[in-house]
Every structure is written in C-alpha cells, then in structure tokens.
Amino acid sequence: MSTLLAPQRQPGEPDTLRLPSRDDRISLVDRAALHLGLRLLLWSTRTPRLADVRDRHSEAFRRQEDAAQRERAYVRGVILSRGL
C-alpha cells in the first residue's frame, strides 16, 4: 500500500490514537523502574564466573604446561642423543 494513496487526517481533526487525559512525560519513578528492569535483564544474561570453572581451567592449563614441558624434554633428549 502506498502512503500517498492512504486516507489522510485533516489538520483540524484531533488525533484519535492519543488519549487527551494522558501526559507525554514519563515520571521519575517509571524511569527508575525501567532502568532497574533493564539492568536486571542484562545481569541475568551474563555468564556466571564460578570458582569451579576457574579451578577446572587452572587444572587444564597446568596439565597443558606439563605436557609441553615433557615434550620439550623429549625433543632435547633426541637432539642430544643424535648429536645434531
């Protein structure tokens, strides 16, 4: 549908979608409630940082470092035994 062909409201007619008793301004309490609700929504979607996850991460990192150290020791032993 083209907006040029849609029926237009005449300038003297009141806006029927707007209630004349409603104020356009938002009260301070409503504004604070909206901000609080938004903060709670954002907080609820964040990824939790649990101590268990940190412990598992540090254990995995320690195992990875131990494996890398054993690999370096093996390669060093091979190089020294072959006399390269």
PDB file of N, CA and C in Angstrom:
ATOM      1  N   MET A   1       0.846  -1.179   0.000  1.00  0.00           N
ATOM      2  CA  MET A   1       0.000   0.000   0.000  1.00  0.00           C
ATOM      3  C   MET A   1       0.889   1.238   0.000  1.00  0.00           C
ATOM      4  N   SER A   2       0.573   2.148  -0.830  1.00  0.00           N
ATOM      5  CA  SER A   2       1.329   3.382  -0.912  1.00  0.00           C
ATOM      6  C   SER A   2       0.788   4.385   0.101  1.00  0.00           C
ATOM      7  N   THR A   3       1.678   5.091   0.760  1.00  0.00           N
ATOM      8  CA  THR A   3       1.225   6.093   1.737  1.00  0.00           C
ATOM      9  C   THR A   3       0.598   7.296   1.050  1.00  0.00           C
ATOM     10  N   LEU A   4       0.879   7.457  -0.223  1.00  0.00           N
ATOM     11  CA  LEU A   4       0.285   8.580  -0.931  1.00  0.00           C
ATOM     12  C   LEU A   4      -1.198   8.345  -1.204  1.00  0.00           C
ATOM     13  N   LEU A   5      -1.598   7.073  -1.266  1.00  0.00           N
ATOM     14  CA  LEU A   5      -2.980   6.745  -1.546  1.00  0.00           C
ATOM     15  C   LEU A   5      -3.797   6.498  -0.277  1.00  0.00           C
ATOM     16  N   ALA A   6      -3.134   6.415   0.859  1.00  0.00           N
ATOM     17  CA  ALA A   6      -3.837   6.147   2.121  1.00  0.00           C
ATOM     18  C   ALA A   6      -4.634   7.379   2.540  1.00  0.00           C
ATOM     19  N   PRO A   7      -5.751   7.165   3.229  1.00  0.00           N
ATOM     20  CA  PRO A   7      -6.535   8.324   3.687  1.00  0.00           C
ATOM     21  C   PRO A   7      -5.736   9.158   4.683  1.00  0.00           C
ATOM     22  N   GLN A   8      -5.788  10.454   4.524  1.00  0.00           N
ATOM     23  CA  GLN A   8      -5.025  11.367   5.364  1.00  0.00           C
ATOM     24  C   GLN A   8      -5.954  12.082   6.339  1.00  0.00           C
ATOM     25  N   ARG A   9      -5.448  12.383   7.526  1.00  0.00           N
ATOM     26  CA  ARG A   9      -6.227  13.120   8.512  1.00  0.00           C
ATOM     27  C   ARG A   9      -6.142  14.610   8.196  1.00  0.00           C
ATOM     28  N   GLN A  10      -7.256  15.251   8.286  1.00  0.00           N
ATOM     29  CA  GLN A  10      -7.288  16.688   8.040  1.00  0.00           C
ATOM     30  C   GLN A  10      -6.641  17.420   9.218  1.00  0.00           C
ATOM     31  N   PRO A  11      -6.072  18.600   9.004  1.00  0.00           N
ATOM     32  CA  PRO A  11      -5.356  19.309  10.072  1.00  0.00           C
ATOM     33  C   PRO A  11      -6.235  19.665  11.280  1.00  0.00           C
ATOM     34  N   GLY A  12      -7.511  19.855  11.126  1.00  0.00           N
ATOM     35  CA  GLY A  12      -8.350  20.254  12.242  1.00  0.00           C
ATOM     36  C   GLY A  12      -8.848  19.106  13.091  1.00  0.00           C
ATOM     37  N   GLU A  13      -8.711  17.855  12.626  1.00  0.00           N
ATOM     38  CA  GLU A  13      -9.221  16.706  13.352  1.00  0.00           C
ATOM     39  C   GLU A  13      -8.265  16.322  14.482  1.00  0.00           C
ATOM     40  N   PRO A  14      -8.808  15.941  15.636  1.00  0.00           N
ATOM     41  CA  PRO A  14      -7.930  15.514  16.741  1.00  0.00           C
ATOM     42  C   PRO A  14      -7.358  14.128  16.478  1.00  0.00           C
ATOM     43  N   ASP A  15      -6.246  13.860  17.107  1.00  0.00           N
ATOM     44  CA  ASP A  15      -5.596  12.557  16.983  1.00  0.00           C
ATOM     45  C   ASP A  15      -6.381  11.554  17.821  1.00  0.00           C
ATOM     46  N   THR A  16      -7.018  10.600  17.175  1.00  0.00           N
ATOM     47  CA  THR A  16      -7.868   9.651  17.897  1.00  0.00           C
ATOM     48  C   THR A  16      -7.071   8.563  18.591  1.00  0.00           C
ATOM     49  N   LEU A  17      -5.822   8.391  18.239  1.00  0.00           N
ATOM     50  CA  LEU A  17      -4.998   7.366  18.872  1.00  0.00           C
ATOM     51  C   LEU A  17      -4.451   7.811  20.216  1.00  0.00           C
ATOM     52  N   ARG A  18      -4.478   9.082  20.491  1.00  0.00           N
ATOM     53  CA  ARG A  18      -3.923   9.632  21.716  1.00  0.00           C
ATOM     54  C   ARG A  18      -5.042   9.998  22.674  1.00  0.00           C
ATOM     55  N   LEU A  19      -4.871   9.589  23.922  1.00  0.00           N
ATOM     56  CA  LEU A  19      -5.861   9.956  24.924  1.00  0.00           C
ATOM     57  C   LEU A  19      -5.563  11.367  25.419  1.00  0.00           C
ATOM     58  N   PRO A  20      -6.534  12.256  25.432  1.00  0.00           N
ATOM     59  CA  PRO A  20      -6.255  13.631  25.850  1.00  0.00           C
ATOM     60  C   PRO A  20      -5.906  13.731  27.338  1.00  0.00           C
ATOM     61  N   SER A  21      -6.290  12.749  28.153  1.00  0.00           N
ATOM     62  CA  SER A  21      -6.005  12.823  29.584  1.00  0.00           C
ATOM     63  C   SER A  21      -4.597  12.348  29.929  1.00  0.00           C
ATOM     64  N   ARG A  22      -3.886  11.715  28.973  1.00  0.00           N
ATOM     65  CA  ARG A  22      -2.557  11.176  29.265  1.00  0.00           C
ATOM     66  C   ARG A  22      -1.493  12.246  29.061  1.00  0.00           C
ATOM     67  N   ASP A  23      -0.510  12.263  29.963  1.00  0.00           N
ATOM     68  CA  ASP A  23       0.603  13.202  29.866  1.00  0.00           C
ATOM     69  C   ASP A  23       1.720  12.554  29.046  1.00  0.00           C
ATOM     70  N   ASP A  24       2.438  13.342  28.269  1.00  0.00           N
ATOM     71  CA  ASP A  24       3.515  12.821  27.428  1.00  0.00           C
ATOM     72  C   ASP A  24       4.777  12.510  28.218  1.00  0.00           C
ATOM     73  N   ARG A  25       4.935  13.123  29.374  1.00  0.00           N
ATOM     74  CA  ARG A  25       6.168  12.950  30.149  1.00  0.00           C
ATOM     75  C   ARG A  25       6.121  11.661  30.955  1.00  0.00           C
ATOM     76  N   ILE A  26       7.298  11.055  31.154  1.00  0.00           N
ATOM     77  CA  ILE A  26       7.422   9.843  31.962  1.00  0.00           C
ATOM     78  C   ILE A  26       7.867  10.258  33.351  1.00  0.00           C
ATOM     79  N   SER A  27       7.198   9.721  34.372  1.00  0.00           N
ATOM     80  CA  SER A  27       7.535  10.119  35.737  1.00  0.00           C
ATOM     81  C   SER A  27       8.899   9.561  36.138  1.00  0.00           C
ATOM     82  N   LEU A  28       9.470  10.134  37.169  1.00  0.00           N
ATOM     83  CA  LEU A  28      10.784   9.724  37.651  1.00  0.00           C
ATOM     84  C   LEU A  28      10.747   8.283  38.171  1.00  0.00           C
ATOM     85  N   VAL A  29       9.658   7.905  38.825  1.00  0.00           N
ATOM     86  CA  VAL A  29       9.525   6.540  39.339  1.00  0.00           C
ATOM     87  C   VAL A  29       9.474   5.540  38.191  1.00  0.00           C
ATOM     88  N   ASP A  30       8.718   5.847  37.143  1.00  0.00           N
ATOM     89  CA  ASP A  30       8.649   4.957  35.982  1.00  0.00           C
ATOM     90  C   ASP A  30      10.000   4.847  35.292  1.00  0.00           C
ATOM     91  N   ARG A  31      10.686   5.964  35.192  1.00  0.00           N
ATOM     92  CA  ARG A  31      12.006   5.967  34.558  1.00  0.00           C
ATOM     93  C   ARG A  31      12.992   5.115  35.358  1.00  0.00           C
ATOM     94  N   ALA A  32      12.964   5.244  36.687  1.00  0.00           N
ATOM     95  CA  ALA A  32      13.851   4.444  37.547  1.00  0.00           C
ATOM     96  C   ALA A  32      13.503   2.962  37.432  1.00  0.00           C
ATOM     97  N   ALA A  33      12.213   2.632  37.380  1.00  0.00           N
ATOM     98  CA  ALA A  33      11.798   1.236  37.248  1.00  0.00           C
ATOM     99  C   ALA A  33      12.255   0.657  35.911  1.00  0.00           C
ATOM    100  N   LEU A  34      12.185   1.436  34.848  1.00  0.00           N
ATOM    101  CA  LEU A  34      12.645   0.960  33.544  1.00  0.00           C
ATOM    102  C   LEU A  34      14.148   0.698  33.555  1.00  0.00           C
ATOM    103  N   HIS A  35      14.908   1.607  34.174  1.00  0.00           N
ATOM    104  CA  HIS A  35      16.363   1.423  34.257  1.00  0.00           C
ATOM    105  C   HIS A  35      16.699   0.190  35.092  1.00  0.00           C
ATOM    106  N   LEU A  36      16.008   0.013  36.204  1.00  0.00           N
ATOM    107  CA  LEU A  36      16.253  -1.147  37.055  1.00  0.00           C
ATOM    108  C   LEU A  36      15.909  -2.438  36.319  1.00  0.00           C
ATOM    109  N   GLY A  37      14.801  -2.455  35.613  1.00  0.00           N
ATOM    110  CA  GLY A  37      14.414  -3.639  34.851  1.00  0.00           C
ATOM    111  C   GLY A  37      15.425  -3.975  33.773  1.00  0.00           C
ATOM    112  N   LEU A  38      15.935  -2.960  33.098  1.00  0.00           N
ATOM    113  CA  LEU A  38      16.938  -3.190  32.058  1.00  0.00           C
ATOM    114  C   LEU A  38      18.211  -3.750  32.664  1.00  0.00           C
ATOM    115  N   ARG A  39      18.647  -3.183  33.784  1.00  0.00           N
ATOM    116  CA  ARG A  39      19.859  -3.677  34.457  1.00  0.00           C
ATOM    117  C   ARG A  39      19.685  -5.128  34.900  1.00  0.00           C
ATOM    118  N   LEU A  40      18.502  -5.465  35.428  1.00  0.00           N
ATOM    119  CA  LEU A  40      18.261  -6.842  35.854  1.00  0.00           C
ATOM    120  C   LEU A  40      18.263  -7.803  34.670  1.00  0.00           C
ATOM    121  N   LEU A  41      17.698  -7.387  33.548  1.00  0.00           N
ATOM    122  CA  LEU A  41      17.730  -8.232  32.356  1.00  0.00           C
ATOM    123  C   LEU A  41      19.157  -8.456  31.867  1.00  0.00           C
ATOM    124  N   LEU A  42      19.950  -7.399  31.842  1.00  0.00           N
ATOM    125  CA  LEU A  42      21.337  -7.541  31.407  1.00  0.00           C
ATOM    126  C   LEU A  42      22.127  -8.407  32.388  1.00  0.00           C
ATOM    127  N   TRP A  43      21.880  -8.235  33.672  1.00  0.00           N
ATOM    128  CA  TRP A  43      22.587  -9.011  34.681  1.00  0.00           C
ATOM    129  C   TRP A  43      22.223 -10.487  34.582  1.00  0.00           C
ATOM    130  N   SER A  44      20.977 -10.784  34.262  1.00  0.00           N
ATOM    131  CA  SER A  44      20.545 -12.177  34.222  1.00  0.00           C
ATOM    132  C   SER A  44      21.106 -12.925  33.020  1.00  0.00           C
ATOM    133  N   THR A  45      21.552 -12.227  31.993  1.00  0.00           N
ATOM    134  CA  THR A  45      22.071 -12.895  30.795  1.00  0.00           C
ATOM    135  C   THR A  45      23.582 -13.033  30.814  1.00  0.00           C
ATOM    136  N   ARG A  46      24.239 -12.517  31.830  1.00  0.00           N
ATOM    137  CA  ARG A  46      25.705 -12.602  31.855  1.00  0.00           C
ATOM    138  C   ARG A  46      26.147 -14.015  32.184  1.00  0.00           C
ATOM    139  N   THR A  47      27.364 -14.361  31.791  1.00  0.00           N
ATOM    140  CA  THR A  47      27.915 -15.684  32.039  1.00  0.00           C
ATOM    141  C   THR A  47      28.431 -15.746  33.468  1.00  0.00           C
ATOM    142  N   PRO A  48      28.010 -16.725  34.238  1.00  0.00           N
ATOM    143  CA  PRO A  48      28.488 -16.803  35.617  1.00  0.00           C
ATOM    144  C   PRO A  48      29.958 -17.197  35.666  1.00  0.00           C
ATOM    145  N   ARG A  49      30.642 -16.634  36.614  1.00  0.00           N
ATOM    146  CA  ARG A  49      32.054 -16.966  36.818  1.00  0.00           C
ATOM    147  C   ARG A  49      32.154 -17.708  38.143  1.00  0.00           C
ATOM    148  N   LEU A  50      32.080 -18.994  38.059  1.00  0.00           N
ATOM    149  CA  LEU A  50      32.073 -19.812  39.258  1.00  0.00           C
ATOM    150  C   LEU A  50      33.490 -20.254  39.609  1.00  0.00           C
ATOM    151  N   ALA A  51      33.714 -20.509  40.891  1.00  0.00           N
ATOM    152  CA  ALA A  51      35.023 -20.962  41.350  1.00  0.00           C
ATOM    153  C   ALA A  51      35.362 -22.307  40.742  1.00  0.00           C
ATOM    154  N   ASP A  52      34.362 -23.161  40.542  1.00  0.00           N
ATOM    155  CA  ASP A  52      34.586 -24.474  39.950  1.00  0.00           C
ATOM    156  C   ASP A  52      35.153 -24.349  38.540  1.00  0.00           C
ATOM    157  N   VAL A  53      34.632 -23.406  37.777  1.00  0.00           N
ATOM    158  CA  VAL A  53      35.115 -23.204  36.412  1.00  0.00           C
ATOM    159  C   VAL A  53      36.562 -22.727  36.438  1.00  0.00           C
ATOM    160  N   ARG A  54      36.887 -21.834  37.373  1.00  0.00           N
ATOM    161  CA  ARG A  54      38.263 -21.351  37.479  1.00  0.00           C
ATOM    162  C   ARG A  54      39.215 -22.479  37.864  1.00  0.00           C
ATOM    163  N   ASP A  55      38.772 -23.351  38.785  1.00  0.00           N
ATOM    164  CA  ASP A  55      39.624 -24.468  39.203  1.00  0.00           C
ATOM    165  C   ASP A  55      39.874 -25.433  38.045  1.00  0.00           C
ATOM    166  N   ARG A  56      38.804 -25.738  37.290  1.00  0.00           N
ATOM    167  CA  ARG A  56      38.978 -26.630  36.143  1.00  0.00           C
ATOM    168  C   ARG A  56      39.880 -26.003  35.085  1.00  0.00           C
ATOM    169  N   HIS A  57      39.756 -24.695  34.891  1.00  0.00           N
ATOM    170  CA  HIS A  57      40.594 -24.009  33.904  1.00  0.00           C
ATOM    171  C   HIS A  57      42.061 -24.046  34.330  1.00  0.00           C
ATOM    172  N   SER A  58      42.331 -23.774  35.605  1.00  0.00           N
ATOM    173  CA  SER A  58      43.719 -23.779  36.066  1.00  0.00           C
ATOM    174  C   SER A  58      44.313 -25.182  36.013  1.00  0.00           C
ATOM    175  N   GLU A  59      43.511 -26.203  36.307  1.00  0.00           N
ATOM    176  CA  GLU A  59      43.982 -27.588  36.230  1.00  0.00           C
ATOM    177  C   GLU A  59      44.302 -27.963  34.782  1.00  0.00           C
ATOM    178  N   ALA A  60      43.435 -27.586  33.857  1.00  0.00           N
ATOM    179  CA  ALA A  60      43.682 -27.873  32.441  1.00  0.00           C
ATOM    180  C   ALA A  60      44.926 -27.136  31.952  1.00  0.00           C
ATOM    181  N   PHE A  61      45.115 -25.907  32.392  1.00  0.00           N
ATOM    182  CA  PHE A  61      46.303 -25.145  31.988  1.00  0.00           C
ATOM    183  C   PHE A  61      47.568 -25.798  32.540  1.00  0.00           C
ATOM    184  N   ARG A  62      47.506 -26.272  33.808  1.00  0.00           N
ATOM    185  CA  ARG A  62      48.669 -26.917  34.405  1.00  0.00           C
ATOM    186  C   ARG A  62      49.013 -28.212  33.661  1.00  0.00           C
ATOM    187  N   ARG A  63      47.976 -29.005  33.297  1.00  0.00           N
ATOM    188  CA  ARG A  63      48.220 -30.229  32.533  1.00  0.00           C
ATOM    189  C   ARG A  63      48.829 -29.925  31.170  1.00  0.00           C
ATOM    190  N   GLN A  64      48.363 -28.852  30.531  1.00  0.00           N
ATOM    191  CA  GLN A  64      48.895 -28.475  29.221  1.00  0.00           C
ATOM    192  C   GLN A  64      50.355 -28.047  29.339  1.00  0.00           C
ATOM    193  N   GLU A  65      50.673 -27.297  30.368  1.00  0.00           N
ATOM    194  CA  GLU A  65      52.062 -26.870  30.562  1.00  0.00           C
ATOM    195  C   GLU A  65      52.967 -28.057  30.886  1.00  0.00           C
ATOM    196  N   ASP A  66      52.477 -29.006  31.690  1.00  0.00           N
ATOM    197  CA  ASP A  66      53.266 -30.202  31.996  1.00  0.00           C
ATOM    198  C   ASP A  66      53.548 -31.012  30.743  1.00  0.00           C
ATOM    199  N   ALA A  67      52.535 -31.162  29.890  1.00  0.00           N
ATOM    200  CA  ALA A  67      52.711 -31.911  28.638  1.00  0.00           C
ATOM    201  C   ALA A  67      53.707 -31.198  27.727  1.00  0.00           C
ATOM    202  N   ALA A  68      53.639 -29.891  27.657  1.00  0.00           N
ATOM    203  CA  ALA A  68      54.587 -29.136  26.816  1.00  0.00           C
ATOM    204  C   ALA A  68      56.002 -29.267  27.364  1.00  0.00           C
ATOM    205  N   GLN A  69      56.160 -29.280  28.677  1.00  0.00           N
ATOM    206  CA  GLN A  69      57.493 -29.413  29.279  1.00  0.00           C
ATOM    207  C   GLN A  69      58.059 -30.815  29.000  1.00  0.00           C
ATOM    208  N   ARG A  70      57.228 -31.857  29.115  1.00  0.00           N
ATOM    209  CA  ARG A  70      57.681 -33.214  28.803  1.00  0.00           C
ATOM    210  C   ARG A  70      58.077 -33.332  27.335  1.00  0.00           C
ATOM    211  N   GLU A  71      57.307 -32.668  26.444  1.00  0.00           N
ATOM    212  CA  GLU A  71      57.629 -32.715  25.021  1.00  0.00           C
ATOM    213  C   GLU A  71      58.955 -32.020  24.741  1.00  0.00           C
ATOM    214  N   ARG A  72      59.187 -30.887  25.367  1.00  0.00           N
ATOM    215  CA  ARG A  72      60.470 -30.187  25.179  1.00  0.00           C
ATOM    216  C   ARG A  72      61.642 -31.028  25.691  1.00  0.00           C
ATOM    217  N   ALA A  73      61.431 -31.715  26.833  1.00  0.00           N
ATOM    218  CA  ALA A  73      62.489 -32.564  27.382  1.00  0.00           C
ATOM    219  C   ALA A  73      62.780 -33.734  26.439  1.00  0.00           C
ATOM    220  N   TYR A  74      61.739 -34.315  25.848  1.00  0.00           N
ATOM    221  CA  TYR A  74      61.921 -35.425  24.921  1.00  0.00           C
ATOM    222  C   TYR A  74      62.687 -34.967  23.679  1.00  0.00           C
ATOM    223  N   VAL A  75      62.271 -33.844  23.108  1.00  0.00           N
ATOM    224  CA  VAL A  75      62.935 -33.332  21.904  1.00  0.00           C
ATOM    225  C   VAL A  75      64.386 -32.997  22.208  1.00  0.00           C
ATOM    226  N   ARG A  76      64.651 -32.431  23.363  1.00  0.00           N
ATOM    227  CA  ARG A  76      66.021 -32.098  23.760  1.00  0.00           C
ATOM    228  C   ARG A  76      66.860 -33.367  23.884  1.00  0.00           C
ATOM    229  N   GLY A  77      66.260 -34.418  24.471  1.00  0.00           N
ATOM    230  CA  GLY A  77      66.982 -35.690  24.602  1.00  0.00           C
ATOM    231  C   GLY A  77      67.296 -36.317  23.263  1.00  0.00           C
ATOM    232  N   VAL A  78      66.338 -36.239  22.322  1.00  0.00           N
ATOM    233  CA  VAL A  78      66.555 -36.776  20.978  1.00  0.00           C
ATOM    234  C   VAL A  78      67.674 -36.010  20.287  1.00  0.00           C
ATOM    235  N   ILE A  79      67.660 -34.692  20.397  1.00  0.00           N
ATOM    236  CA  ILE A  79      68.668 -33.874  19.731  1.00  0.00           C
ATOM    237  C   ILE A  79      70.040 -34.158  20.317  1.00  0.00           C
ATOM    238  N   LEU A  80      70.137 -34.270  21.664  1.00  0.00           N
ATOM    239  CA  LEU A  80      71.435 -34.516  22.277  1.00  0.00           C
ATOM    240  C   LEU A  80      71.946 -35.931  21.998  1.00  0.00           C
ATOM    241  N   SER A  81      71.053 -36.913  21.870  1.00  0.00           N
ATOM    242  CA  SER A  81      71.490 -38.285  21.630  1.00  0.00           C
ATOM    243  C   SER A  81      71.955 -38.486  20.190  1.00  0.00           C
ATOM    244  N   ARG A  82      71.417 -37.740  19.271  1.00  0.00           N
ATOM    245  CA  ARG A  82      71.825 -37.886  17.864  1.00  0.00           C
ATOM    246  C   ARG A  82      73.006 -37.001  17.508  1.00  0.00           C
ATOM    247  N   GLY A  83      73.313 -36.044  18.356  1.00  0.00           N
ATOM    248  CA  GLY A  83      74.454 -35.182  18.113  1.00  0.00           C
ATOM    249  C   GLY A  83      74.227 -34.173  16.992  1.00  0.00           C
ATOM    250  N   LEU A  84      73.004 -33.658  16.883  1.00  0.00           N
ATOM    251  CA  LEU A  84      72.728 -32.703  15.821  1.00  0.00           C
ATOM    252  C   LEU A  84      73.257 -31.387  16.173  1.00  0.00           C
TER     253      LEU A  84
END
